C-alpha atoms as a PDB file:
ATOM      1  CA  MET A   1       1.846   9.997   2.419  1.00  0.00           C
ATOM      2  CA  THR A   2       3.498   7.515  -0.160  1.00  0.00           C
ATOM      3  CA  ASN A   3       2.829   9.701  -2.971  1.00  0.00           C
ATOM      4  CA  ARG A   4       4.037  12.868  -1.161  1.00  0.00           C
ATOM      5  CA  THR A   5       7.287  10.946  -0.326  1.00  0.00           C
ATOM      6  CA  LEU A   6       7.884   9.756  -3.981  1.00  0.00           C
ATOM      7  CA  GLY A   7       6.970  13.103  -5.429  1.00  0.00           C
ATOM      8  CA  THR A   8       9.564  14.727  -3.172  1.00  0.00           C
ATOM      9  CA  LEU A   9      12.247  12.073  -4.102  1.00  0.00           C
ATOM     10  CA  LEU A  10      11.596  12.560  -7.749  1.00  0.00           C
ATOM     11  CA  ARG A  11      11.612  16.169  -7.588  1.00  0.00           C
ATOM     12  CA  VAL A  12      15.185  16.051  -6.004  1.00  0.00           C
ATOM     13  CA  LEU A  13      16.310  13.701  -8.316  1.00  0.00           C
ATOM     14  CA  VAL A  14      14.995  15.347 -11.557  1.00  0.00           C
ATOM     15  CA  LYS A  15      16.116  18.801 -10.583  1.00  0.00           C
ATOM     16  CA  LYS A  16      19.278  18.644 -11.813  1.00  0.00           C
ATOM     17  CA  SER A  17      18.970  16.395 -14.960  1.00  0.00           C
ATOM     18  CA  VAL A  18      15.424  17.241 -16.121  1.00  0.00           C
ATOM     19  CA  LYS A  19      16.320  15.545 -19.622  1.00  0.00           C
ATOM     20  CA  GLY A  20      17.542  12.008 -17.923  1.00  0.00           C
ATOM     21  CA  TRP A  21      14.574  11.731 -15.459  1.00  0.00           C
ATOM     22  CA  ASP A  22      14.013   8.305 -16.905  1.00  0.00           C
ATOM     23  CA  GLU A  23      17.353   6.816 -16.111  1.00  0.00           C
ATOM     24  CA  LEU A  24      16.729   7.932 -12.654  1.00  0.00           C
ATOM     25  CA  LEU A  25      13.551   5.977 -11.826  1.00  0.00           C
ATOM     26  CA  PRO A  26      15.479   2.555 -10.963  1.00  0.00           C
ATOM     27  CA  HIS A  27      17.655   4.590  -8.401  1.00  0.00           C
ATOM     28  CA  ALA A  28      14.496   6.234  -6.890  1.00  0.00           C
ATOM     29  CA  GLU A  29      12.616   2.896  -6.936  1.00  0.00           C
ATOM     30  CA  PHE A  30      15.836   1.170  -5.186  1.00  0.00           C
ATOM     31  CA  ALA A  31      15.977   4.077  -2.560  1.00  0.00           C
ATOM     32  CA  PHE A  32      12.216   4.130  -1.849  1.00  0.00           C
ATOM     33  CA  ASN A  33      12.101   0.346  -1.251  1.00  0.00           C
ATOM     34  CA  ARG A  34      15.196   0.243   0.879  1.00  0.00           C
ATOM     35  CA  ALA A  35      13.765   3.175   3.357  1.00  0.00           C
ATOM     36  CA  LEU A  36      12.234   2.235   6.676  1.00  0.00           C
ATOM     37  CA  SER A  37       8.565   2.774   6.841  1.00  0.00           C
ATOM     38  CA  LYS A  38       7.350   4.565   9.744  1.00  0.00           C
ATOM     39  CA  ALA A  39       4.286   2.128  10.454  1.00  0.00           C
ATOM     40  CA  THR A  40       6.353  -0.923  10.254  1.00  0.00           C
ATOM     41  CA  SER A  41       9.866   0.019  11.046  1.00  0.00           C
ATOM     42  CA  LEU A  42      10.808  -1.867   8.055  1.00  0.00           C
ATOM     43  CA  SER A  43      11.403  -1.391   4.326  1.00  0.00           C
ATOM     44  CA  PRO A  44       9.320  -2.870   1.698  1.00  0.00           C
ATOM     45  CA  PHE A  45      12.368  -5.140   0.767  1.00  0.00           C
ATOM     46  CA  GLN A  46      12.373  -6.465   4.149  1.00  0.00           C
ATOM     47  CA  VAL A  47       8.712  -7.116   4.291  1.00  0.00           C
ATOM     48  CA  VAL A  48       8.824  -8.922   0.972  1.00  0.00           C
ATOM     49  CA  TYR A  49      12.282 -10.606   1.085  1.00  0.00           C
ATOM     50  CA  GLY A  50      13.284 -10.811   4.691  1.00  0.00           C
ATOM     51  CA  TYR A  51      16.439  -8.703   4.135  1.00  0.00           C
ATOM     52  CA  ASN A  52      17.419  -5.358   2.665  1.00  0.00           C
ATOM     53  CA  PRO A  53      19.386  -5.848  -0.679  1.00  0.00           C
ATOM     54  CA  ARG A  54      23.083  -4.820  -0.801  1.00  0.00           C
ATOM     55  CA  THR A  55      24.105  -1.240  -1.917  1.00  0.00           C
ATOM     56  CA  PRO A  56      27.320  -0.256  -3.607  1.00  0.00           C
ATOM     57  CA  LEU A  57      28.928   0.254  -0.108  1.00  0.00           C
ATOM     58  CA  ASP A  58      28.271  -3.154   0.806  1.00  0.00           C
ATOM     59  CA  LEU A  59      30.258  -4.698  -2.242  1.00  0.00           C
ATOM     60  CA  VAL A  60      33.421  -3.816  -0.588  1.00  0.00           C
ATOM     61  CA  PRO A  61      35.574  -6.900  -0.885  1.00  0.00           C
ATOM     62  CA  ILE A  62      35.491  -8.982   2.315  1.00  0.00           C
ATOM     63  CA  PRO A  63      38.741 -10.326   3.557  1.00  0.00           C
ATOM     64  CA  ASN A  64      37.249 -13.849   4.851  1.00  0.00           C
ATOM     65  CA  PRO A  65      34.184 -14.643   2.469  1.00  0.00           C
ATOM     66  CA  THR A  66      31.622 -16.576   4.594  1.00  0.00           C
ATOM     67  CA  LYS A  67      28.717 -18.364   3.203  1.00  0.00           C
ATOM     68  CA  PHE A  68      25.212 -18.375   4.344  1.00  0.00           C
ATOM     69  CA  SER A  69      23.137 -21.430   4.204  1.00  0.00           C
ATOM     70  CA  TRP A  70      19.264 -21.345   4.799  1.00  0.00           C
ATOM     71  CA  GLU A  71      17.174 -24.258   4.598  1.00  0.00           C
ATOM     72  CA  ALA A  72      13.895 -23.390   2.963  1.00  0.00           C
ATOM     73  CA  GLU A  73      11.401 -24.467   5.639  1.00  0.00           C
ATOM     74  CA  LYS A  74      13.473 -22.430   8.178  1.00  0.00           C
ATOM     75  CA  ARG A  75      13.377 -19.505   5.946  1.00  0.00           C
ATOM     76  CA  ALA A  76       9.829 -19.597   5.061  1.00  0.00           C
ATOM     77  CA  LYS A  77       9.097 -19.733   8.686  1.00  0.00           C
ATOM     78  CA  GLU A  78      11.138 -16.494   9.339  1.00  0.00           C
ATOM     79  CA  ILE A  79       9.317 -14.686   6.526  1.00  0.00           C
ATOM     80  CA  GLN A  80       5.930 -15.835   7.837  1.00  0.00           C
ATOM     81  CA  GLU A  81       6.998 -14.495  11.470  1.00  0.00           C
ATOM     82  CA  LEU A  82       8.265 -11.095   9.647  1.00  0.00           C
ATOM     83  CA  HIS A  83       4.753 -10.702   7.842  1.00  0.00           C
ATOM     84  CA  THR A  84       3.035 -11.191  11.079  1.00  0.00           C
ATOM     85  CA  LYS A  85       5.042  -8.670  12.910  1.00  0.00           C
ATOM     86  CA  VAL A  86       4.519  -6.393  10.049  1.00  0.00           C
ATOM     87  CA  LYS A  87       0.891  -6.929   9.993  1.00  0.00           C
ATOM     88  CA  GLU A  88       0.600  -6.229  13.968  1.00  0.00           C
ATOM     89  CA  ARG A  89       2.731  -3.043  13.453  1.00  0.00           C
ATOM     90  CA  ILE A  90       0.513  -1.681  10.699  1.00  0.00           C
ATOM     91  CA  GLU A  91      -2.741  -2.518  12.874  1.00  0.00           C
ATOM     92  CA  LYS A  92      -1.216  -0.753  15.669  1.00  0.00           C
ATOM     93  CA  SER A  93      -0.293   2.301  13.585  1.00  0.00           C
ATOM     94  CA  ASN A  94      -3.705   2.474  12.007  1.00  0.00           C
ATOM     95  CA  GLU A  95      -5.336   2.404  15.462  1.00  0.00           C
ATOM     96  CA  GLN A  96      -3.149   5.217  16.661  1.00  0.00           C
ATOM     97  CA  ALA A  97      -3.892   7.144  13.643  1.00  0.00           C
ATOM     98  CA  LYS A  98      -7.690   6.563  14.331  1.00  0.00           C
ATOM     99  CA  GLN A  99      -7.385   7.564  17.877  1.00  0.00           C
ATOM    100  CA  HIS A 100      -5.549  10.870  16.996  1.00  0.00           C
ATOM    101  CA  ALA A 101      -8.174  11.557  14.063  1.00  0.00           C
ATOM    102  CA  ASN A 102     -11.061  11.079  16.292  1.00  0.00           C
ATOM    103  CA  LYS A 103      -9.631  12.912  19.169  1.00  0.00           C
ATOM    104  CA  HIS A 104     -11.596  16.199  18.499  1.00  0.00           C
ATOM    105  CA  ARG A 105     -14.700  14.549  16.720  1.00  0.00           C
ATOM    106  CA  LYS A 106     -18.131  14.491  18.215  1.00  0.00           C
ATOM    107  CA  ASP A 107     -20.571  11.600  17.605  1.00  0.00           C
ATOM    108  CA  ALA A 108     -23.547  12.992  15.535  1.00  0.00           C
ATOM    109  CA  GLN A 109     -26.911  11.213  15.593  1.00  0.00           C
ATOM    110  CA  PHE A 110     -28.989  11.919  12.421  1.00  0.00           C
END
């Protein structure tokens, strides 16, 4: 599924500028890594870092800037909890796929 998604994304981006395809790769990578996964309901960025990076639309000046302060131990615990949730979601998704794939299969003894 990942290869199909990346193939489609690259075809759409490269279609209009065949000669400059190499300049589009960082944009494709960013877009793919920020997109939600069906299995986990999270983006790859969220799984690794615990949050999605900002996009150009997020960089609009904020009237009253606020600062976020995270203690390292608290942040590490949040990431660990996130990884646990992601693992559970992947296992659930894999089990559903297994049940769907095995629905019409017959057990054969050889």
